[in-house]
C-alpha atoms as a PDB file:
ATOM      1  CA  UNK A   1       0.000   0.000   0.000  1.00  0.00           C
ATOM      2  CA  UNK A   2       1.425   3.355  -1.039  1.00  0.00           C
ATOM      3  CA  UNK A   3       1.504   6.347   1.274  1.00  0.00           C
ATOM      4  CA  UNK A   4      -1.086   8.114  -0.899  1.00  0.00           C
ATOM      5  CA  UNK A   5      -3.456   5.161  -0.662  1.00  0.00           C
ATOM      6  CA  UNK A   6      -3.047   5.016   3.118  1.00  0.00           C
ATOM      7  CA  UNK A   7      -3.874   8.724   3.461  1.00  0.00           C
ATOM      8  CA  UNK A   8      -6.921   8.323   1.219  1.00  0.00           C
ATOM      9  CA  UNK A   9      -8.181   5.367   3.252  1.00  0.00           C
ATOM     10  CA  UNK A  10      -7.756   7.419   6.426  1.00  0.00           C
ATOM     11  CA  UNK A  11      -9.843  10.237   4.959  1.00  0.00           C
ATOM     12  CA  UNK A  12     -12.476   7.797   3.696  1.00  0.00           C
ATOM     13  CA  UNK A  13     -12.901   6.527   7.254  1.00  0.00           C
ATOM     14  CA  UNK A  14     -13.994   9.978   8.414  1.00  0.00           C
ATOM     15  CA  UNK A  15     -17.724  10.571   9.000  1.00  0.00           C
ATOM     16  CA  UNK A  16     -19.501  12.288   6.106  1.00  0.00           C
ATOM     17  CA  UNK A  17     -16.529  11.685   3.795  1.00  0.00           C
ATOM     18  CA  UNK A  18     -18.750  10.717   0.862  1.00  0.00           C
ATOM     19  CA  UNK A  19     -20.856  13.848   1.287  1.00  0.00           C
ATOM     20  CA  UNK A  20     -17.806  16.093   1.568  1.00  0.00           C
ATOM     21  CA  UNK A  21     -16.232  14.552  -1.505  1.00  0.00           C
ATOM     22  CA  UNK A  22     -19.379  14.971  -3.619  1.00  0.00           C
ATOM     23  CA  UNK A  23     -19.796  18.536  -2.335  1.00  0.00           C
ATOM     24  CA  UNK A  24     -16.237  19.376  -3.336  1.00  0.00           C
ATOM     25  CA  UNK A  25     -16.817  17.961  -6.819  1.00  0.00           C
ATOM     26  CA  UNK A  26     -19.975  20.086  -7.078  1.00  0.00           C
ATOM     27  CA  UNK A  27     -18.121  23.237  -5.991  1.00  0.00           C
ATOM     28  CA  UNK A  28     -15.510  22.561  -8.661  1.00  0.00           C
ATOM     29  CA  UNK A  29     -18.074  21.887 -11.412  1.00  0.00           C
ATOM     30  CA  UNK A  30     -21.443  23.434 -10.463  1.00  0.00           C
ATOM     31  CA  UNK A  31     -22.893  23.600 -13.988  1.00  0.00           C
ATOM     32  CA  UNK A  32     -26.400  22.243 -14.628  1.00  0.00           C
ATOM     33  CA  UNK A  33     -25.651  19.375 -17.012  1.00  0.00           C
ATOM     34  CA  UNK A  34     -27.540  16.522 -18.651  1.00  0.00           C
ATOM     35  CA  UNK A  35     -30.937  16.175 -20.263  1.00  0.00           C
ATOM     36  CA  UNK A  36     -32.361  14.084 -17.414  1.00  0.00           C
ATOM     37  CA  UNK A  37     -31.551  13.360 -13.796  1.00  0.00           C
ATOM     38  CA  UNK A  38     -30.113   9.956 -14.689  1.00  0.00           C
ATOM     39  CA  UNK A  39     -27.258  11.388 -16.757  1.00  0.00           C
ATOM     40  CA  UNK A  40     -26.807  14.554 -14.708  1.00  0.00           C
ATOM     41  CA  UNK A  41     -24.213  15.282 -12.038  1.00  0.00           C
ATOM     42  CA  UNK A  42     -27.179  16.394  -9.877  1.00  0.00           C
ATOM     43  CA  UNK A  43     -28.534  12.862  -9.423  1.00  0.00           C
ATOM     44  CA  UNK A  44     -27.053  12.743  -5.909  1.00  0.00           C
ATOM     45  CA  UNK A  45     -28.529  16.098  -4.813  1.00  0.00           C
ATOM     46  CA  UNK A  46     -31.222  14.593  -2.578  1.00  0.00           C
ATOM     47  CA  UNK A  47     -28.803  12.163  -0.941  1.00  0.00           C
ATOM     48  CA  UNK A  48     -26.269  14.936  -0.346  1.00  0.00           C
ATOM     49  CA  UNK A  49     -28.931  17.207   1.132  1.00  0.00           C
ATOM     50  CA  UNK A  50     -30.011  14.575   3.674  1.00  0.00           C
ATOM     51  CA  UNK A  51     -26.359  13.957   4.574  1.00  0.00           C
ATOM     52  CA  UNK A  52     -25.862  17.693   5.089  1.00  0.00           C
ATOM     53  CA  UNK A  53     -28.785  17.803   7.534  1.00  0.00           C
ATOM     54  CA  UNK A  54     -27.222  15.030   9.598  1.00  0.00           C
ATOM     55  CA  UNK A  55     -23.932  16.925   9.531  1.00  0.00           C
ATOM     56  CA  UNK A  56     -25.673  20.139  10.642  1.00  0.00           C
ATOM     57  CA  UNK A  57     -27.457  18.349  13.484  1.00  0.00           C
ATOM     58  CA  UNK A  58     -24.144  16.867  14.645  1.00  0.00           C
ATOM     59  CA  UNK A  59     -22.348  20.202  14.543  1.00  0.00           C
ATOM     60  CA  UNK A  60     -25.166  22.017  16.339  1.00  0.00           C
ATOM     61  CA  UNK A  61     -25.208  19.349  19.058  1.00  0.00           C
ATOM     62  CA  UNK A  62     -21.486  19.827  19.746  1.00  0.00           C
ATOM     63  CA  UNK A  63     -21.030  23.478  18.832  1.00  0.00           C
ATOM     64  CA  UNK A  64     -20.417  24.453  22.431  1.00  0.00           C
ATOM     65  CA  UNK A  65     -17.387  22.176  22.437  1.00  0.00           C
ATOM     66  CA  UNK A  66     -16.182  23.133  18.956  1.00  0.00           C
ATOM     67  CA  UNK A  67     -16.265  26.916  19.395  1.00  0.00           C
ATOM     68  CA  UNK A  68     -16.238  27.655  23.119  1.00  0.00           C
ATOM     69  CA  UNK A  69     -14.442  30.993  22.735  1.00  0.00           C
ATOM     70  CA  UNK A  70     -16.992  32.382  20.290  1.00  0.00           C
ATOM     71  CA  UNK A  71     -20.292  31.316  21.819  1.00  0.00           C
ATOM     72  CA  UNK A  72     -20.101  32.670  25.340  1.00  0.00           C
ATOM     73  CA  UNK A  73     -23.804  32.097  25.970  1.00  0.00           C
ATOM     74  CA  UNK A  74     -25.279  28.614  26.307  1.00  0.00           C
ATOM     75  CA  UNK A  75     -26.612  28.292  22.772  1.00  0.00           C
ATOM     76  CA  UNK A  76     -27.056  24.539  23.102  1.00  0.00           C
ATOM     77  CA  UNK A  77     -30.054  25.232  25.355  1.00  0.00           C
ATOM     78  CA  UNK A  78     -31.578  27.828  23.048  1.00  0.00           C
ATOM     79  CA  UNK A  79     -31.973  25.961  19.763  1.00  0.00           C
ATOM     80  CA  UNK A  80     -33.607  22.621  18.997  1.00  0.00           C
ATOM     81  CA  UNK A  81     -31.282  20.958  16.412  1.00  0.00           C
ATOM     82  CA  UNK A  82     -34.013  18.611  15.163  1.00  0.00           C
ATOM     83  CA  UNK A  83     -36.447  21.446  14.394  1.00  0.00           C
ATOM     84  CA  UNK A  84     -33.593  23.494  12.945  1.00  0.00           C
ATOM     85  CA  UNK A  85     -32.876  20.688  10.469  1.00  0.00           C
ATOM     86  CA  UNK A  86     -36.598  20.446   9.689  1.00  0.00           C
ATOM     87  CA  UNK A  87     -36.778  24.177   8.949  1.00  0.00           C
ATOM     88  CA  UNK A  88     -33.724  23.954   6.690  1.00  0.00           C
ATOM     89  CA  UNK A  89     -35.286  21.023   4.814  1.00  0.00           C
ATOM     90  CA  UNK A  90     -38.674  22.692   4.335  1.00  0.00           C
ATOM     91  CA  UNK A  91     -37.070  25.981   3.287  1.00  0.00           C
ATOM     92  CA  UNK A  92     -34.803  24.277   0.763  1.00  0.00           C
ATOM     93  CA  UNK A  93     -37.569  22.205  -0.843  1.00  0.00           C
ATOM     94  CA  UNK A  94     -39.961  25.175  -1.092  1.00  0.00           C
ATOM     95  CA  UNK A  95     -37.336  27.497  -2.561  1.00  0.00           C
ATOM     96  CA  UNK A  96     -36.082  24.817  -4.985  1.00  0.00           C
ATOM     97  CA  UNK A  97     -39.511  24.175  -6.447  1.00  0.00           C
ATOM     98  CA  UNK A  98     -40.389  27.869  -6.630  1.00  0.00           C
ATOM     99  CA  UNK A  99     -37.153  28.622  -8.517  1.00  0.00           C
ATOM    100  CA  UNK A 100     -37.806  25.705 -10.886  1.00  0.00           C
ATOM    101  CA  UNK A 101     -41.410  26.800 -11.493  1.00  0.00           C
ATOM    102  CA  UNK A 102     -40.497  30.451 -12.124  1.00  0.00           C
ATOM    103  CA  UNK A 103     -37.591  29.403 -14.359  1.00  0.00           C
ATOM    104  CA  UNK A 104     -39.859  27.056 -16.324  1.00  0.00           C
ATOM    105  CA  UNK A 105     -42.329  29.892 -16.889  1.00  0.00           C
ATOM    106  CA  UNK A 106     -39.546  32.211 -18.037  1.00  0.00           C
ATOM    107  CA  UNK A 107     -38.282  29.541 -20.473  1.00  0.00           C
ATOM    108  CA  UNK A 108     -41.749  28.730 -21.762  1.00  0.00           C
ATOM    109  CA  UNK A 109     -41.283  30.586 -25.092  1.00  0.00           C
ATOM    110  CA  UNK A 110     -38.022  28.717 -25.786  1.00  0.00           C
ATOM    111  CA  UNK A 111     -38.408  25.288 -24.190  1.00  0.00           C
ATOM    112  CA  UNK A 112     -41.851  24.444 -22.752  1.00  0.00           C
ATOM    113  CA  UNK A 113     -41.165  21.960 -19.945  1.00  0.00           C
ATOM    114  CA  UNK A 114     -40.757  21.719 -16.204  1.00  0.00           C
ATOM    115  CA  UNK A 115     -37.037  22.262 -15.717  1.00  0.00           C
ATOM    116  CA  UNK A 116     -36.711  20.038 -12.668  1.00  0.00           C
ATOM    117  CA  UNK A 117     -32.907  19.921 -12.865  1.00  0.00           C
ATOM    118  CA  UNK A 118     -32.959  23.503 -11.591  1.00  0.00           C
ATOM    119  CA  UNK A 119     -34.771  22.310  -8.453  1.00  0.00           C
ATOM    120  CA  UNK A 120     -32.090  19.666  -7.922  1.00  0.00           C
ATOM    121  CA  UNK A 121     -29.429  22.344  -8.417  1.00  0.00           C
ATOM    122  CA  UNK A 122     -30.957  24.438  -5.628  1.00  0.00           C
ATOM    123  CA  UNK A 123     -31.184  21.393  -3.344  1.00  0.00           C
ATOM    124  CA  UNK A 124     -27.509  20.651  -3.982  1.00  0.00           C
ATOM    125  CA  UNK A 125     -26.612  24.281  -3.255  1.00  0.00           C
ATOM    126  CA  UNK A 126     -28.431  24.061   0.075  1.00  0.00           C
ATOM    127  CA  UNK A 127     -26.547  20.842   0.844  1.00  0.00           C
ATOM    128  CA  UNK A 128     -23.294  22.791   0.553  1.00  0.00           C
ATOM    129  CA  UNK A 129     -24.507  25.951   2.294  1.00  0.00           C
ATOM    130  CA  UNK A 130     -26.524  24.440   5.171  1.00  0.00           C
ATOM    131  CA  UNK A 131     -23.619  24.412   7.590  1.00  0.00           C
ATOM    132  CA  UNK A 132     -22.681  28.008   6.732  1.00  0.00           C
ATOM    133  CA  UNK A 133     -26.312  29.065   7.187  1.00  0.00           C
ATOM    134  CA  UNK A 134     -26.396  27.476  10.642  1.00  0.00           C
ATOM    135  CA  UNK A 135     -23.070  29.035  11.664  1.00  0.00           C
ATOM    136  CA  UNK A 136     -24.344  32.488  10.635  1.00  0.00           C
ATOM    137  CA  UNK A 137     -27.598  31.838  12.513  1.00  0.00           C
ATOM    138  CA  UNK A 138     -25.705  30.945  15.685  1.00  0.00           C
ATOM    139  CA  UNK A 139     -23.388  33.931  15.357  1.00  0.00           C
ATOM    140  CA  UNK A 140     -26.453  36.158  14.991  1.00  0.00           C
ATOM    141  CA  UNK A 141     -28.095  34.618  18.070  1.00  0.00           C
ATOM    142  CA  UNK A 142     -24.920  35.097  20.082  1.00  0.00           C
ATOM    143  CA  UNK A 143     -24.616  38.735  18.983  1.00  0.00           C
ATOM    144  CA  UNK A 144     -28.230  39.541  19.834  1.00  0.00           C
ATOM    145  CA  UNK A 145     -27.889  38.065  23.320  1.00  0.00           C
ATOM    146  CA  UNK A 146     -24.482  39.598  24.046  1.00  0.00           C
ATOM    147  CA  UNK A 147     -24.740  43.011  22.372  1.00  0.00           C
ATOM    148  CA  UNK A 148     -28.442  43.449  21.604  1.00  0.00           C
ATOM    149  CA  UNK A 149     -27.767  43.845  17.873  1.00  0.00           C
ATOM    150  CA  UNK A 150     -27.035  41.342  15.116  1.00  0.00           C
ATOM    151  CA  UNK A 151     -24.677  43.888  13.516  1.00  0.00           C
ATOM    152  CA  UNK A 152     -22.434  44.289  16.588  1.00  0.00           C
ATOM    153  CA  UNK A 153     -19.742  41.642  17.055  1.00  0.00           C
ATOM    154  CA  UNK A 154     -19.347  40.263  20.576  1.00  0.00           C
ATOM    155  CA  UNK A 155     -15.604  39.562  20.179  1.00  0.00           C
ATOM    156  CA  UNK A 156     -12.767  39.853  17.612  1.00  0.00           C
ATOM    157  CA  UNK A 157     -13.164  36.138  16.822  1.00  0.00           C
ATOM    158  CA  UNK A 158     -16.871  36.693  16.238  1.00  0.00           C
ATOM    159  CA  UNK A 159     -16.083  39.617  13.905  1.00  0.00           C
ATOM    160  CA  UNK A 160     -13.569  37.720  11.781  1.00  0.00           C
ATOM    161  CA  UNK A 161     -15.521  34.475  11.689  1.00  0.00           C
ATOM    162  CA  UNK A 162     -18.825  36.194  10.934  1.00  0.00           C
ATOM    163  CA  UNK A 163     -17.281  38.262   8.143  1.00  0.00           C
ATOM    164  CA  UNK A 164     -15.433  35.285   6.688  1.00  0.00           C
ATOM    165  CA  UNK A 165     -18.477  33.012   6.713  1.00  0.00           C
ATOM    166  CA  UNK A 166     -20.662  35.747   5.205  1.00  0.00           C
ATOM    167  CA  UNK A 167     -18.233  36.409   2.338  1.00  0.00           C
ATOM    168  CA  UNK A 168     -17.839  32.675   1.696  1.00  0.00           C
ATOM    169  CA  UNK A 169     -21.619  32.195   1.620  1.00  0.00           C
ATOM    170  CA  UNK A 170     -22.042  35.056  -0.893  1.00  0.00           C
ATOM    171  CA  UNK A 171     -19.275  33.698  -3.112  1.00  0.00           C
ATOM    172  CA  UNK A 172     -20.690  30.169  -3.082  1.00  0.00           C
ATOM    173  CA  UNK A 173     -24.190  31.510  -3.797  1.00  0.00           C
ATOM    174  CA  UNK A 174     -22.818  33.224  -6.893  1.00  0.00           C
ATOM    175  CA  UNK A 175     -20.684  30.279  -8.005  1.00  0.00           C
ATOM    176  CA  UNK A 176     -23.145  27.468  -7.281  1.00  0.00           C
ATOM    177  CA  UNK A 177     -26.536  29.043  -8.029  1.00  0.00           C
ATOM    178  CA  UNK A 178     -26.509  32.393  -9.805  1.00  0.00           C
ATOM    179  CA  UNK A 179     -23.822  31.698 -12.408  1.00  0.00           C
ATOM    180  CA  UNK A 180     -25.019  28.158 -13.282  1.00  0.00           C
ATOM    181  CA  UNK A 181     -28.620  29.383 -13.597  1.00  0.00           C
ATOM    182  CA  UNK A 182     -27.398  32.221 -15.817  1.00  0.00           C
ATOM    183  CA  UNK A 183     -25.488  29.738 -17.996  1.00  0.00           C
ATOM    184  CA  UNK A 184     -28.540  27.478 -18.174  1.00  0.00           C
ATOM    185  CA  UNK A 185     -30.738  30.346 -19.348  1.00  0.00           C
ATOM    186  CA  UNK A 186     -28.035  31.420 -21.817  1.00  0.00           C
ATOM    187  CA  UNK A 187     -28.606  28.150 -23.674  1.00  0.00           C
ATOM    188  CA  UNK A 188     -31.981  29.534 -24.720  1.00  0.00           C
ATOM    189  CA  UNK A 189     -31.489  33.319 -24.649  1.00  0.00           C
ATOM    190  CA  UNK A 190     -28.633  35.669 -25.427  1.00  0.00           C
ATOM    191  CA  UNK A 191     -26.175  36.204 -22.582  1.00  0.00           C
ATOM    192  CA  UNK A 192     -27.500  39.641 -21.645  1.00  0.00           C
ATOM    193  CA  UNK A 193     -31.141  38.583 -21.819  1.00  0.00           C
ATOM    194  CA  UNK A 194     -30.285  35.471 -19.792  1.00  0.00           C
ATOM    195  CA  UNK A 195     -28.778  37.664 -17.065  1.00  0.00           C
ATOM    196  CA  UNK A 196     -31.978  39.727 -16.869  1.00  0.00           C
ATOM    197  CA  UNK A 197     -34.111  36.556 -16.842  1.00  0.00           C
ATOM    198  CA  UNK A 198     -31.942  35.030 -14.081  1.00  0.00           C
ATOM    199  CA  UNK A 199     -32.229  38.175 -11.966  1.00  0.00           C
ATOM    200  CA  UNK A 200     -36.017  38.201 -12.342  1.00  0.00           C
ATOM    201  CA  UNK A 201     -36.231  34.478 -11.493  1.00  0.00           C
ATOM    202  CA  UNK A 202     -34.291  34.932  -8.253  1.00  0.00           C
ATOM    203  CA  UNK A 203     -36.109  38.110  -7.184  1.00  0.00           C
ATOM    204  CA  UNK A 204     -39.540  36.561  -7.791  1.00  0.00           C
ATOM    205  CA  UNK A 205     -38.481  33.303  -6.102  1.00  0.00           C
ATOM    206  CA  UNK A 206     -37.188  35.026  -2.975  1.00  0.00           C
ATOM    207  CA  UNK A 207     -40.345  37.140  -2.821  1.00  0.00           C
ATOM    208  CA  UNK A 208     -42.641  34.109  -3.207  1.00  0.00           C
ATOM    209  CA  UNK A 209     -40.658  32.066  -0.678  1.00  0.00           C
ATOM    210  CA  UNK A 210     -41.024  34.820   1.926  1.00  0.00           C
ATOM    211  CA  UNK A 211     -44.779  34.166   1.905  1.00  0.00           C
ATOM    212  CA  UNK A 212     -44.459  30.373   1.997  1.00  0.00           C
ATOM    213  CA  UNK A 213     -44.062  29.951   5.756  1.00  0.00           C
ATOM    214  CA  UNK A 214     -45.647  27.217   7.863  1.00  0.00           C
ATOM    215  CA  UNK A 215     -44.665  28.327  11.357  1.00  0.00           C
ATOM    216  CA  UNK A 216     -41.875  25.763  11.799  1.00  0.00           C
ATOM    217  CA  UNK A 217     -39.420  28.540  12.587  1.00  0.00           C
ATOM    218  CA  UNK A 218     -41.193  29.266  15.881  1.00  0.00           C
ATOM    219  CA  UNK A 219     -40.279  25.759  17.086  1.00  0.00           C
ATOM    220  CA  UNK A 220     -36.534  26.216  16.558  1.00  0.00           C
ATOM    221  CA  UNK A 221     -35.861  28.676  19.386  1.00  0.00           C
ATOM    222  CA  UNK A 222     -36.546  27.848  23.030  1.00  0.00           C
ATOM    223  CA  UNK A 223     -38.131  31.190  23.938  1.00  0.00           C
ATOM    224  CA  UNK A 224     -38.099  30.762  27.760  1.00  0.00           C
ATOM    225  CA  UNK A 225     -34.409  29.801  27.654  1.00  0.00           C
ATOM    226  CA  UNK A 226     -33.579  32.758  25.402  1.00  0.00           C
ATOM    227  CA  UNK A 227     -35.357  35.205  27.710  1.00  0.00           C
ATOM    228  CA  UNK A 228     -33.765  33.672  30.799  1.00  0.00           C
ATOM    229  CA  UNK A 229     -30.253  34.014  29.355  1.00  0.00           C
ATOM    230  CA  UNK A 230     -31.037  37.531  28.206  1.00  0.00           C
ATOM    231  CA  UNK A 231     -32.099  38.399  31.755  1.00  0.00           C
ATOM    232  CA  UNK A 232     -28.898  36.917  33.199  1.00  0.00           C
ATOM    233  CA  UNK A 233     -26.709  38.792  30.716  1.00  0.00           C
ATOM    234  CA  UNK A 234     -28.446  42.121  31.272  1.00  0.00           C
ATOM    235  CA  UNK A 235     -28.397  41.574  35.032  1.00  0.00           C
ATOM    236  CA  UNK A 236     -24.647  40.931  34.972  1.00  0.00           C
ATOM    237  CA  UNK A 237     -24.154  44.070  32.897  1.00  0.00           C
ATOM    238  CA  UNK A 238     -26.389  45.988  35.334  1.00  0.00           C
ATOM    239  CA  UNK A 239     -28.798  47.020  32.605  1.00  0.00           C
ATOM    240  CA  UNK A 240     -31.847  45.903  34.617  1.00  0.00           C
ATOM    241  CA  UNK A 241     -33.392  47.538  37.636  1.00  0.00           C
ATOM    242  CA  UNK A 242     -32.582  45.440  40.709  1.00  0.00           C
ATOM    243  CA  UNK A 243     -36.248  45.563  41.728  1.00  0.00           C
ATOM    244  CA  UNK A 244     -37.417  43.912  38.487  1.00  0.00           C
ATOM    245  CA  UNK A 245     -38.498  40.339  39.107  1.00  0.00           C
ATOM    246  CA  UNK A 246     -36.878  37.705  36.856  1.00  0.00           C
ATOM    247  CA  UNK A 247     -40.176  36.012  35.996  1.00  0.00           C
ATOM    248  CA  UNK A 248     -41.748  39.335  35.038  1.00  0.00           C
ATOM    249  CA  UNK A 249     -38.832  40.081  32.721  1.00  0.00           C
ATOM    250  CA  UNK A 250     -39.035  36.607  31.130  1.00  0.00           C
ATOM    251  CA  UNK A 251     -42.810  36.872  30.701  1.00  0.00           C
ATOM    252  CA  UNK A 252     -42.548  40.311  29.062  1.00  0.00           C
ATOM    253  CA  UNK A 253     -39.684  39.094  26.848  1.00  0.00           C
ATOM    254  CA  UNK A 254     -41.674  36.063  25.671  1.00  0.00           C
ATOM    255  CA  UNK A 255     -44.695  38.245  24.883  1.00  0.00           C
ATOM    256  CA  UNK A 256     -42.509  40.487  22.729  1.00  0.00           C
ATOM    257  CA  UNK A 257     -41.129  37.473  20.824  1.00  0.00           C
ATOM    258  CA  UNK A 258     -44.595  36.008  20.262  1.00  0.00           C
ATOM    259  CA  UNK A 259     -46.057  39.330  19.108  1.00  0.00           C
ATOM    260  CA  UNK A 260     -43.262  40.099  16.658  1.00  0.00           C
ATOM    261  CA  UNK A 261     -44.494  39.998  13.025  1.00  0.00           C
END
């Protein structure tokens, strides 16, 4: 056995190796190819998406141990990883089908069909981005609890990590979704028209998805735990009147969360 083979076998023994390998291949070649799912590189999109959810659940469960210097609050008590994975799954499926439907309508004059490969492309993009989405969500939660604003970093590590993850997510969104969708549309329209069509598809899809909510998001956050930690943080920072009862603060905090639009 050569040294290279031994190293490869060691990597293959790692959890989620198959998913990480397929994701890397997708990042390298994200084009929407093939005439059907059977001969397309996107045929593993569903499998990769499920694997990514398991990876996200694992990371969320152990995030306190992985990044103890960043997350100073007890985030493991604030978020239900199972419901978080469910929300990611529902969001991805809804957005994927909306993009595919809007794209199919826009391509109706050129190629009347349901362009389902676009839906698989979006699912594969989510498979790659899910972990980044969760990391940004946790950073935002930590910032809100520590500083009261999602825009204010709670530490230098938070600032650098949040900025780095945000830039990486934007770059991957362009590389894995926007550019491939543009290239796909350019097969039927001129390059400039395809860019306009792609922009319209994404704007309409994001707008439509914003109205396709089923209330799952409310199950992700443990509201009593969030309010309790917020009380403890504000109490330590002496931002709360000493005469204010803890239960009154928590009750008022929960009412504000429930009544938010």
